[in-house]
N, C-alpha and C. Protein backbone atom coordinates (compact mmCIF):
# COMPACT_ATOMS: atom_id res chain seq x y z
N UNK A 1 50.24 33.97 26.75
CA UNK A 1 51.47 34.69 27.05
C UNK A 1 51.50 36.00 26.28
N UNK A 2 51.99 37.04 26.93
CA UNK A 2 51.98 38.36 26.30
C UNK A 2 53.03 38.41 25.19
N UNK A 3 52.63 38.93 24.00
CA UNK A 3 53.51 38.99 22.83
C UNK A 3 54.13 40.38 22.74
N UNK A 4 55.40 40.47 23.15
CA UNK A 4 56.09 41.76 23.07
C UNK A 4 56.44 42.14 21.62
N UNK A 5 56.54 41.13 20.76
CA UNK A 5 56.88 41.43 19.37
C UNK A 5 55.80 42.25 18.69
N UNK A 6 54.54 41.83 18.90
CA UNK A 6 53.44 42.58 18.29
C UNK A 6 53.35 43.98 18.86
N UNK A 7 53.66 44.14 20.14
CA UNK A 7 53.64 45.47 20.75
C UNK A 7 54.73 46.34 20.16
N UNK A 8 55.92 45.71 19.87
CA UNK A 8 57.02 46.46 19.28
C UNK A 8 56.68 46.88 17.85
N UNK A 9 56.05 45.98 17.09
CA UNK A 9 55.67 46.33 15.72
C UNK A 9 54.62 47.44 15.72
N UNK A 10 53.69 47.35 16.67
CA UNK A 10 52.66 48.40 16.77
C UNK A 10 53.31 49.75 17.07
N UNK A 11 54.29 49.72 17.95
CA UNK A 11 54.98 50.96 18.32
C UNK A 11 55.74 51.53 17.13
N UNK A 12 56.37 50.66 16.34
CA UNK A 12 57.14 51.12 15.19
C UNK A 12 56.25 51.77 14.13
N UNK A 13 54.99 51.32 14.04
CA UNK A 13 54.09 51.88 13.02
C UNK A 13 53.54 53.26 13.42
N UNK A 14 53.72 53.64 14.70
CA UNK A 14 53.19 54.92 15.16
C UNK A 14 54.03 56.08 14.66
N UNK A 15 53.36 57.21 14.47
CA UNK A 15 54.07 58.43 14.12
C UNK A 15 54.87 58.91 15.32
N UNK A 16 55.93 59.71 15.09
CA UNK A 16 56.77 60.20 16.21
C UNK A 16 55.94 60.89 17.30
N UNK A 17 54.98 61.68 16.87
CA UNK A 17 54.17 62.39 17.88
C UNK A 17 53.34 61.40 18.72
N UNK A 18 52.81 60.35 18.03
CA UNK A 18 52.03 59.35 18.76
C UNK A 18 52.90 58.56 19.72
N UNK A 19 54.17 58.31 19.28
CA UNK A 19 55.09 57.61 20.17
C UNK A 19 55.35 58.42 21.44
N UNK A 20 55.52 59.72 21.28
CA UNK A 20 55.76 60.58 22.45
C UNK A 20 54.55 60.54 23.38
N UNK A 21 53.37 60.63 22.77
CA UNK A 21 52.15 60.61 23.59
C UNK A 21 52.00 59.26 24.30
N UNK A 22 52.34 58.18 23.60
CA UNK A 22 52.22 56.85 24.20
C UNK A 22 53.19 56.69 25.37
N UNK A 23 54.44 57.14 25.15
CA UNK A 23 55.43 57.06 26.23
C UNK A 23 54.99 57.91 27.42
N UNK A 24 54.49 59.10 27.12
CA UNK A 24 54.02 59.99 28.20
C UNK A 24 52.87 59.34 28.98
N UNK A 25 51.95 58.70 28.23
CA UNK A 25 50.82 58.04 28.88
C UNK A 25 51.29 56.87 29.74
N UNK A 26 52.28 56.12 29.23
CA UNK A 26 52.80 54.98 29.98
C UNK A 26 53.49 55.43 31.26
N UNK A 27 54.30 56.50 31.13
CA UNK A 27 55.00 57.02 32.32
C UNK A 27 53.99 57.54 33.35
N UNK A 28 52.98 58.28 32.85
CA UNK A 28 51.96 58.81 33.76
C UNK A 28 51.22 57.68 34.46
N UNK A 29 50.92 56.61 33.70
CA UNK A 29 50.21 55.47 34.29
C UNK A 29 51.06 54.82 35.39
N UNK A 30 52.36 54.66 35.09
CA UNK A 30 53.25 54.06 36.09
C UNK A 30 53.33 54.93 37.34
N UNK A 31 53.42 56.25 37.13
CA UNK A 31 53.50 57.16 38.27
C UNK A 31 52.23 57.11 39.11
N UNK A 32 51.07 57.11 38.39
CA UNK A 32 49.80 57.07 39.12
C UNK A 32 49.65 55.77 39.90
N UNK A 33 49.99 54.65 39.24
CA UNK A 33 49.90 53.36 39.93
C UNK A 33 50.88 53.30 41.11
N UNK A 34 52.09 53.84 40.88
CA UNK A 34 53.08 53.84 41.97
C UNK A 34 52.62 54.67 43.14
N UNK A 35 52.02 55.84 42.86
CA UNK A 35 51.53 56.70 43.95
C UNK A 35 50.36 56.04 44.68
N UNK A 36 49.45 55.41 43.87
CA UNK A 36 48.24 54.84 44.45
C UNK A 36 48.53 53.60 45.29
N UNK A 37 49.41 52.73 44.80
CA UNK A 37 49.60 51.43 45.45
C UNK A 37 50.90 51.33 46.26
N UNK A 38 51.79 52.32 46.11
CA UNK A 38 53.06 52.25 46.84
C UNK A 38 53.26 53.47 47.73
N UNK A 39 53.34 54.65 47.11
CA UNK A 39 53.69 55.86 47.86
C UNK A 39 52.61 56.25 48.87
N UNK A 40 51.36 56.30 48.41
CA UNK A 40 50.28 56.72 49.30
C UNK A 40 50.11 55.76 50.49
N UNK A 41 50.06 54.43 50.26
CA UNK A 41 49.98 53.53 51.42
C UNK A 41 51.18 53.66 52.36
N UNK A 42 52.37 53.90 51.76
CA UNK A 42 53.56 54.07 52.59
C UNK A 42 53.45 55.32 53.45
N UNK A 43 52.94 56.41 52.86
CA UNK A 43 52.77 57.65 53.63
C UNK A 43 51.73 57.46 54.74
N UNK A 44 50.65 56.77 54.43
CA UNK A 44 49.63 56.51 55.45
C UNK A 44 50.21 55.69 56.59
N UNK A 45 51.00 54.68 56.23
CA UNK A 45 51.62 53.85 57.26
C UNK A 45 52.59 54.66 58.11
N UNK A 46 53.35 55.56 57.47
CA UNK A 46 54.28 56.41 58.22
C UNK A 46 53.54 57.35 59.16
N UNK A 47 52.42 57.91 58.69
CA UNK A 47 51.64 58.79 59.55
C UNK A 47 51.05 58.03 60.73
N UNK A 48 50.53 56.83 60.47
CA UNK A 48 50.00 56.02 61.57
C UNK A 48 51.11 55.65 62.56
N UNK A 49 52.28 55.31 62.04
CA UNK A 49 53.41 54.98 62.91
C UNK A 49 53.83 56.19 63.73
N UNK A 50 53.82 57.37 63.08
CA UNK A 50 54.19 58.59 63.79
C UNK A 50 53.19 58.91 64.90
N UNK A 51 51.88 58.72 64.61
CA UNK A 51 50.87 58.96 65.65
C UNK A 51 51.02 57.96 66.79
N UNK A 52 51.28 56.72 66.46
CA UNK A 52 51.46 55.72 67.52
C UNK A 52 52.70 56.04 68.35
N UNK A 53 53.76 56.46 67.68
CA UNK A 53 54.98 56.82 68.40
C UNK A 53 54.74 58.01 69.33
N UNK A 54 54.00 59.00 68.82
CA UNK A 54 53.69 60.17 69.65
C UNK A 54 52.84 59.77 70.85
N UNK A 55 51.87 58.87 70.62
CA UNK A 55 51.02 58.40 71.72
C UNK A 55 51.85 57.64 72.76
N UNK A 56 52.76 56.80 72.30
CA UNK A 56 53.61 56.05 73.22
C UNK A 56 54.53 56.98 74.01
N UNK A 57 55.01 58.04 73.35
CA UNK A 57 55.86 59.01 74.05
C UNK A 57 55.07 59.72 75.15
N UNK A 58 53.80 60.07 74.86
CA UNK A 58 52.96 60.69 75.87
C UNK A 58 52.70 59.74 77.03
N UNK A 59 52.43 58.46 76.70
CA UNK A 59 52.21 57.47 77.75
C UNK A 59 53.46 57.28 78.61
N UNK A 60 54.62 57.29 77.95
CA UNK A 60 55.88 57.16 78.70
C UNK A 60 56.10 58.36 79.61
N UNK A 61 55.83 59.57 79.08
CA UNK A 61 55.98 60.77 79.90
C UNK A 61 55.03 60.74 81.09
N UNK A 62 53.80 60.25 80.87
CA UNK A 62 52.83 60.16 81.97
C UNK A 62 53.30 59.14 83.01
N UNK A 63 53.84 58.02 82.55
CA UNK A 63 54.37 57.03 83.49
C UNK A 63 55.54 57.60 84.29
N UNK A 64 56.38 58.39 83.63
CA UNK A 64 57.50 58.99 84.33
C UNK A 64 57.02 59.99 85.38
N UNK A 65 55.97 60.77 85.04
CA UNK A 65 55.42 61.72 86.02
C UNK A 65 54.81 60.97 87.21
N UNK A 66 54.09 59.87 86.92
CA UNK A 66 53.51 59.08 88.00
C UNK A 66 54.60 58.46 88.86
N UNK A 67 55.69 58.02 88.24
CA UNK A 67 56.80 57.45 89.01
C UNK A 67 57.43 58.51 89.91
N UNK A 68 57.66 59.71 89.35
CA UNK A 68 58.25 60.78 90.15
C UNK A 68 57.32 61.16 91.30
N UNK A 69 56.01 61.17 91.02
CA UNK A 69 55.05 61.51 92.08
C UNK A 69 55.08 60.44 93.17
N UNK A 70 55.15 59.18 92.76
CA UNK A 70 55.20 58.08 93.73
C UNK A 70 56.47 58.17 94.57
N UNK A 71 57.61 58.43 93.92
CA UNK A 71 58.86 58.56 94.67
C UNK A 71 58.84 59.75 95.61
N UNK A 72 58.19 60.84 95.18
CA UNK A 72 58.07 62.01 96.05
C UNK A 72 57.22 61.69 97.27
N UNK A 73 56.14 60.92 97.08
CA UNK A 73 55.32 60.51 98.22
C UNK A 73 56.13 59.64 99.19
N UNK A 74 56.92 58.73 98.63
CA UNK A 74 57.77 57.91 99.49
C UNK A 74 58.75 58.77 100.26
N UNK A 75 59.34 59.75 99.57
CA UNK A 75 60.30 60.63 100.24
C UNK A 75 59.63 61.40 101.36
N UNK A 76 58.41 61.89 101.10
CA UNK A 76 57.69 62.64 102.12
C UNK A 76 57.36 61.76 103.31
N UNK A 77 56.91 60.53 103.04
CA UNK A 77 56.57 59.63 104.14
C UNK A 77 57.81 59.29 104.97
N UNK A 78 58.94 59.10 104.31
CA UNK A 78 60.18 58.83 105.04
C UNK A 78 60.60 60.04 105.87
N UNK A 79 60.38 61.24 105.29
CA UNK A 79 60.75 62.45 106.02
C UNK A 79 59.84 62.67 107.22
N UNK A 80 58.57 62.30 107.08
CA UNK A 80 57.65 62.49 108.20
C UNK A 80 57.95 61.54 109.36
N UNK A 81 58.57 60.40 109.06
CA UNK A 81 58.87 59.47 110.12
C UNK A 81 57.61 58.72 110.55
N UNK A 82 57.53 58.42 111.84
CA UNK A 82 56.39 57.68 112.38
C UNK A 82 55.25 58.65 112.66
N UNK A 83 54.24 58.64 111.79
CA UNK A 83 53.14 59.60 111.90
C UNK A 83 52.34 59.35 113.16
N UNK A 84 52.30 58.11 113.60
CA UNK A 84 51.50 57.79 114.78
C UNK A 84 52.03 58.50 116.03
N UNK A 85 53.30 58.94 116.00
CA UNK A 85 53.88 59.61 117.15
C UNK A 85 53.55 61.09 117.20
N UNK A 86 52.97 61.65 116.12
CA UNK A 86 52.66 63.08 116.08
C UNK A 86 51.39 63.34 116.89
N UNK A 87 51.50 64.24 117.83
CA UNK A 87 50.36 64.62 118.65
C UNK A 87 49.40 65.44 117.80
N UNK A 88 48.12 65.03 117.68
CA UNK A 88 47.17 65.83 116.89
C UNK A 88 47.05 67.26 117.38
N UNK A 89 47.37 67.51 118.65
CA UNK A 89 47.29 68.85 119.22
C UNK A 89 48.61 69.61 119.13
N UNK A 90 49.59 69.03 118.44
CA UNK A 90 50.89 69.69 118.29
C UNK A 90 50.74 71.00 117.53
N UNK A 91 51.29 72.09 118.09
CA UNK A 91 51.20 73.42 117.49
C UNK A 91 52.49 73.70 116.74
N UNK A 92 52.45 73.52 115.42
CA UNK A 92 53.65 73.71 114.61
C UNK A 92 54.15 75.15 114.65
N UNK A 93 53.24 76.10 114.56
CA UNK A 93 53.64 77.51 114.55
C UNK A 93 54.33 77.89 115.86
N UNK A 94 53.70 77.52 116.97
CA UNK A 94 54.30 77.85 118.27
C UNK A 94 55.66 77.21 118.46
N UNK A 95 55.79 75.95 118.00
CA UNK A 95 57.07 75.25 118.12
C UNK A 95 58.14 75.93 117.28
N UNK A 96 57.80 76.30 116.02
CA UNK A 96 58.79 76.91 115.14
C UNK A 96 59.18 78.31 115.60
N UNK A 97 58.27 79.02 116.23
CA UNK A 97 58.64 80.34 116.75
C UNK A 97 59.81 80.23 117.72
N UNK A 98 59.75 79.24 118.61
CA UNK A 98 60.84 79.04 119.54
C UNK A 98 62.11 78.56 118.86
N UNK A 99 61.98 77.62 117.90
CA UNK A 99 63.15 77.07 117.22
C UNK A 99 63.85 78.13 116.37
N UNK A 100 63.07 78.88 115.59
CA UNK A 100 63.66 79.89 114.71
C UNK A 100 64.30 81.00 115.53
N UNK A 101 63.64 81.42 116.59
CA UNK A 101 64.20 82.48 117.44
C UNK A 101 65.52 82.03 118.06
N UNK A 102 65.59 80.77 118.48
CA UNK A 102 66.82 80.26 119.08
C UNK A 102 67.94 80.15 118.06
N UNK A 103 67.61 79.87 116.79
CA UNK A 103 68.64 79.66 115.77
C UNK A 103 69.12 80.96 115.15
N UNK A 104 68.22 81.92 114.88
CA UNK A 104 68.62 83.11 114.12
C UNK A 104 68.29 84.43 114.81
N UNK A 105 67.58 84.38 115.93
CA UNK A 105 67.14 85.55 116.70
C UNK A 105 65.87 86.15 116.10
N UNK A 106 65.11 86.81 116.96
CA UNK A 106 63.78 87.28 116.59
C UNK A 106 63.81 88.38 115.52
N UNK A 107 64.81 89.25 115.55
CA UNK A 107 64.83 90.38 114.61
C UNK A 107 65.10 89.95 113.18
N UNK A 108 65.55 88.71 112.97
CA UNK A 108 65.80 88.22 111.61
C UNK A 108 64.53 87.66 110.97
N UNK A 109 63.48 87.50 111.77
CA UNK A 109 62.24 86.90 111.26
C UNK A 109 61.39 87.95 110.57
N UNK A 110 61.10 87.75 109.30
CA UNK A 110 60.20 88.64 108.56
C UNK A 110 58.76 88.21 108.78
N UNK A 111 58.49 86.91 108.68
CA UNK A 111 57.13 86.41 108.89
C UNK A 111 57.15 84.90 109.08
N UNK A 112 56.12 84.42 109.77
CA UNK A 112 55.84 82.99 109.92
C UNK A 112 54.36 82.81 109.61
N UNK A 113 54.05 82.22 108.46
CA UNK A 113 52.67 82.11 107.99
C UNK A 113 52.21 80.66 108.00
N UNK A 114 51.26 80.30 108.87
CA UNK A 114 50.79 78.91 108.94
C UNK A 114 49.64 78.64 107.96
N UNK A 115 49.59 77.43 107.44
CA UNK A 115 48.48 76.95 106.61
C UNK A 115 48.29 75.46 106.88
N UNK A 116 47.07 75.00 106.63
CA UNK A 116 46.75 73.58 106.78
C UNK A 116 45.95 73.14 105.57
N UNK A 117 46.28 71.97 105.04
CA UNK A 117 45.56 71.46 103.88
C UNK A 117 45.46 69.95 103.98
N UNK A 118 44.39 69.38 103.45
CA UNK A 118 44.27 67.91 103.42
C UNK A 118 45.20 67.32 102.37
N UNK A 119 45.53 66.05 102.54
CA UNK A 119 46.33 65.34 101.56
C UNK A 119 45.39 64.52 100.68
N UNK A 120 45.19 64.90 99.40
CA UNK A 120 44.25 64.16 98.54
C UNK A 120 44.60 62.68 98.43
N UNK A 121 45.91 62.37 98.40
CA UNK A 121 46.30 60.98 98.27
C UNK A 121 46.22 60.22 99.59
N UNK A 122 46.05 60.93 100.71
CA UNK A 122 45.93 60.30 102.03
C UNK A 122 44.94 61.12 102.85
N UNK A 123 43.62 60.96 102.61
CA UNK A 123 42.61 61.81 103.27
C UNK A 123 42.55 61.64 104.77
N UNK A 124 43.17 60.59 105.30
CA UNK A 124 43.14 60.42 106.75
C UNK A 124 44.17 61.30 107.46
N UNK A 125 44.95 62.08 106.68
CA UNK A 125 45.96 62.96 107.26
C UNK A 125 45.77 64.40 106.79
N UNK A 126 46.27 65.32 107.60
CA UNK A 126 46.33 66.73 107.26
C UNK A 126 47.79 67.16 107.23
N UNK A 127 48.13 68.01 106.28
CA UNK A 127 49.48 68.56 106.21
C UNK A 127 49.46 69.98 106.74
N UNK A 128 50.12 70.17 107.87
CA UNK A 128 50.22 71.50 108.46
C UNK A 128 51.56 72.10 108.06
N UNK A 129 51.54 73.33 107.55
CA UNK A 129 52.76 73.96 107.04
C UNK A 129 52.91 75.36 107.63
N UNK A 130 54.16 75.78 107.72
CA UNK A 130 54.47 77.15 108.12
C UNK A 130 55.52 77.67 107.14
N UNK A 131 55.19 78.80 106.51
CA UNK A 131 56.15 79.45 105.62
C UNK A 131 57.01 80.40 106.44
N UNK A 132 58.31 80.21 106.36
CA UNK A 132 59.27 81.01 107.13
C UNK A 132 59.99 81.96 106.19
N UNK A 133 60.00 83.24 106.53
CA UNK A 133 60.76 84.23 105.78
C UNK A 133 61.73 84.92 106.75
N UNK A 134 63.02 84.83 106.40
CA UNK A 134 64.08 85.41 107.23
C UNK A 134 64.91 86.37 106.39
N UNK A 135 65.57 87.31 107.04
CA UNK A 135 66.41 88.27 106.34
C UNK A 135 67.73 88.45 107.07
N UNK A 136 68.78 88.68 106.30
CA UNK A 136 70.12 88.97 106.82
C UNK A 136 70.58 87.87 107.78
N UNK A 137 70.50 86.63 107.30
CA UNK A 137 70.87 85.48 108.12
C UNK A 137 72.23 84.96 107.66
N UNK A 138 73.10 84.65 108.61
CA UNK A 138 74.41 84.09 108.28
C UNK A 138 74.29 82.61 107.96
N UNK A 139 75.25 82.11 107.18
CA UNK A 139 75.20 80.71 106.76
C UNK A 139 75.22 79.74 107.94
N UNK A 140 76.05 79.95 108.97
CA UNK A 140 76.00 79.04 110.12
C UNK A 140 74.62 79.03 110.80
N UNK A 141 73.93 80.16 110.80
CA UNK A 141 72.59 80.21 111.39
C UNK A 141 71.60 79.38 110.57
N UNK A 142 71.74 79.41 109.24
CA UNK A 142 70.87 78.62 108.38
C UNK A 142 71.09 77.13 108.63
N UNK A 143 72.35 76.73 108.72
CA UNK A 143 72.67 75.32 108.98
C UNK A 143 72.12 74.91 110.34
N UNK A 144 72.26 75.78 111.34
CA UNK A 144 71.74 75.47 112.68
C UNK A 144 70.23 75.32 112.65
N UNK A 145 69.54 76.19 111.90
CA UNK A 145 68.08 76.11 111.81
C UNK A 145 67.64 74.82 111.14
N UNK A 146 68.30 74.45 110.04
CA UNK A 146 67.96 73.21 109.35
C UNK A 146 68.13 72.01 110.29
N UNK A 147 69.20 72.01 111.04
CA UNK A 147 69.47 70.89 111.95
C UNK A 147 68.43 70.85 113.08
N UNK A 148 68.10 72.01 113.65
CA UNK A 148 67.14 72.06 114.75
C UNK A 148 65.76 71.56 114.31
N UNK A 149 65.37 71.91 113.07
CA UNK A 149 64.03 71.53 112.61
C UNK A 149 63.96 70.05 112.27
N UNK A 150 64.90 69.57 111.45
CA UNK A 150 64.79 68.21 110.94
C UNK A 150 65.34 67.17 111.90
N UNK A 151 66.13 67.56 112.87
CA UNK A 151 66.67 66.60 113.84
C UNK A 151 66.09 66.83 115.23
N UNK A 152 65.01 67.59 115.31
CA UNK A 152 64.41 67.87 116.60
C UNK A 152 63.55 66.73 117.09
N UNK A 153 62.76 67.02 118.12
CA UNK A 153 61.96 65.98 118.76
C UNK A 153 60.70 65.63 117.98
N UNK A 154 60.35 66.44 116.99
CA UNK A 154 59.15 66.17 116.20
C UNK A 154 59.53 65.84 114.76
N UNK A 155 58.76 64.95 114.08
CA UNK A 155 59.08 64.54 112.70
C UNK A 155 58.72 65.62 111.68
N UNK A 156 59.53 66.67 111.61
CA UNK A 156 59.29 67.78 110.69
C UNK A 156 60.25 67.66 109.50
N UNK A 157 59.90 68.32 108.42
CA UNK A 157 60.80 68.38 107.29
C UNK A 157 60.56 69.67 106.51
N UNK A 158 61.57 70.09 105.76
CA UNK A 158 61.46 71.24 104.87
C UNK A 158 60.97 70.75 103.52
N UNK A 159 59.80 71.22 103.10
CA UNK A 159 59.30 70.87 101.78
C UNK A 159 59.87 71.80 100.71
N UNK A 160 60.39 72.96 101.14
CA UNK A 160 61.03 73.89 100.19
C UNK A 160 61.95 74.81 100.95
N UNK A 161 63.12 75.07 100.38
CA UNK A 161 64.07 76.01 100.96
C UNK A 161 64.68 76.83 99.83
N UNK A 162 64.56 78.16 99.91
CA UNK A 162 65.16 79.06 98.93
C UNK A 162 66.07 80.04 99.67
N UNK A 163 67.34 80.04 99.29
CA UNK A 163 68.34 80.89 99.94
C UNK A 163 68.88 81.88 98.90
N UNK A 164 68.80 83.16 99.20
CA UNK A 164 69.22 84.20 98.26
C UNK A 164 70.28 85.08 98.92
N UNK A 165 71.42 85.22 98.24
CA UNK A 165 72.50 86.05 98.77
C UNK A 165 72.15 87.53 98.62
N UNK A 166 72.43 88.30 99.64
CA UNK A 166 72.16 89.74 99.60
C UNK A 166 73.26 90.44 98.82
N UNK A 167 72.88 91.40 97.97
CA UNK A 167 73.83 92.07 97.10
C UNK A 167 74.83 92.92 97.89
N UNK A 168 74.35 93.58 98.93
CA UNK A 168 75.21 94.50 99.69
C UNK A 168 76.02 93.81 100.77
N UNK A 169 75.77 92.53 101.01
CA UNK A 169 76.49 91.80 102.05
C UNK A 169 76.61 90.34 101.62
N UNK A 170 77.76 89.94 101.07
CA UNK A 170 77.91 88.57 100.56
C UNK A 170 77.91 87.51 101.64
N UNK A 171 77.96 87.91 102.93
CA UNK A 171 78.01 86.93 104.01
C UNK A 171 76.66 86.78 104.73
N UNK A 172 75.63 87.41 104.22
CA UNK A 172 74.29 87.23 104.79
C UNK A 172 73.30 86.90 103.69
N UNK A 173 72.22 86.23 104.08
CA UNK A 173 71.29 85.69 103.09
C UNK A 173 69.85 85.95 103.54
N UNK A 174 68.96 85.99 102.53
CA UNK A 174 67.52 85.98 102.79
C UNK A 174 67.02 84.56 102.54
N UNK A 175 66.17 84.10 103.43
CA UNK A 175 65.72 82.72 103.37
C UNK A 175 64.20 82.67 103.32
N UNK A 176 63.68 81.83 102.45
CA UNK A 176 62.25 81.54 102.38
C UNK A 176 62.10 80.03 102.37
N UNK A 177 61.43 79.49 103.37
CA UNK A 177 61.32 78.04 103.50
C UNK A 177 59.93 77.67 103.99
N UNK A 178 59.58 76.41 103.76
CA UNK A 178 58.30 75.87 104.22
C UNK A 178 58.59 74.61 105.04
N UNK A 179 58.13 74.60 106.27
CA UNK A 179 58.26 73.44 107.15
C UNK A 179 56.88 72.79 107.24
N UNK A 180 56.85 71.47 107.15
CA UNK A 180 55.57 70.76 107.14
C UNK A 180 55.61 69.58 108.10
N UNK A 181 54.42 69.22 108.58
CA UNK A 181 54.25 68.03 109.40
C UNK A 181 52.93 67.39 109.02
N UNK A 182 52.90 66.08 109.01
CA UNK A 182 51.69 65.34 108.68
C UNK A 182 51.04 64.88 109.98
N UNK A 183 49.77 65.25 110.14
CA UNK A 183 49.04 64.94 111.37
C UNK A 183 47.78 64.16 111.04
N UNK A 184 47.36 63.27 111.93
CA UNK A 184 46.11 62.55 111.68
C UNK A 184 44.93 63.53 111.63
N UNK A 185 44.08 63.35 110.65
CA UNK A 185 42.90 64.20 110.53
C UNK A 185 41.89 63.83 111.61
N UNK A 186 41.17 64.82 112.08
CA UNK A 186 40.14 64.55 113.08
C UNK A 186 39.00 63.77 112.44
N UNK A 187 38.58 62.71 113.08
CA UNK A 187 37.47 61.93 112.55
C UNK A 187 36.16 62.65 112.82
N UNK A 188 35.25 62.67 111.86
CA UNK A 188 33.97 63.34 112.08
C UNK A 188 33.20 62.70 113.23
N UNK A 189 32.54 63.55 113.97
CA UNK A 189 31.77 63.07 115.12
C UNK A 189 30.68 62.12 114.65
N UNK A 190 30.47 61.09 115.38
CA UNK A 190 29.47 60.08 115.00
C UNK A 190 28.07 60.66 115.17
N UNK A 191 27.27 60.53 114.14
CA UNK A 191 25.92 61.06 114.18
C UNK A 191 25.06 60.23 115.16
N UNK A 192 24.11 60.92 115.81
CA UNK A 192 23.28 60.23 116.77
C UNK A 192 22.46 59.14 116.11
N UNK A 193 22.04 59.39 114.86
CA UNK A 193 21.22 58.39 114.18
C UNK A 193 21.99 57.14 113.80
N UNK A 194 23.38 57.28 113.73
CA UNK A 194 24.18 56.16 113.35
C UNK A 194 24.70 55.37 114.54
N UNK A 195 24.44 55.88 115.75
CA UNK A 195 24.92 55.17 116.93
C UNK A 195 24.07 53.93 117.16
N UNK A 196 24.69 52.86 117.63
CA UNK A 196 23.90 51.64 117.87
C UNK A 196 22.92 51.83 119.02
N UNK A 197 21.73 51.32 118.84
CA UNK A 197 20.69 51.45 119.87
C UNK A 197 20.91 50.37 120.91
N UNK A 198 21.10 50.77 122.16
CA UNK A 198 21.34 49.76 123.20
C UNK A 198 20.14 48.84 123.36
N UNK A 199 20.45 47.60 123.62
CA UNK A 199 19.37 46.62 123.81
C UNK A 199 18.66 46.90 125.11
N UNK A 200 17.32 46.81 125.08
CA UNK A 200 16.52 47.07 126.27
C UNK A 200 16.46 45.85 127.16
């Protein structure tokens, strides 16, 4: 068993300067041991916890992005309606020229720009789009155009609509929109070498 009495007697025999040095050494030892076995491990644990928390936050953000992407795909598929009913030869640009002209008149059309791109998440389909730019359009005309496109005979939808009020005329607007339709992609022609050889 440790004898504190002998330690106290030893301390009493020390000179004042030696006592100060001894106390300083004891405090320094306690601080070093506390830093080595308590503070430093605690800091390491906190850093590891912080890194894990940051990693989990990134994983959560990625899951949220994937969820939003999945919901957007569902929304697009619902907007497209029954894809099997879309005629692969359907001309989106020609159809929209008639619809837009009927809704807002030809002189309001700035441009109609068609593009086609594959769907990476659904390679069996192509997304055909037309960018519509209109100028000096009244609000009732915009509503009529939206109704004609999305409630028409073909499963079309607006993937983007931007409406900007004109500074010199608060009752007319400039419109930039994209109308899209999903169409079955053309299957590649069967190679002659891959065709079955008829039995002789």
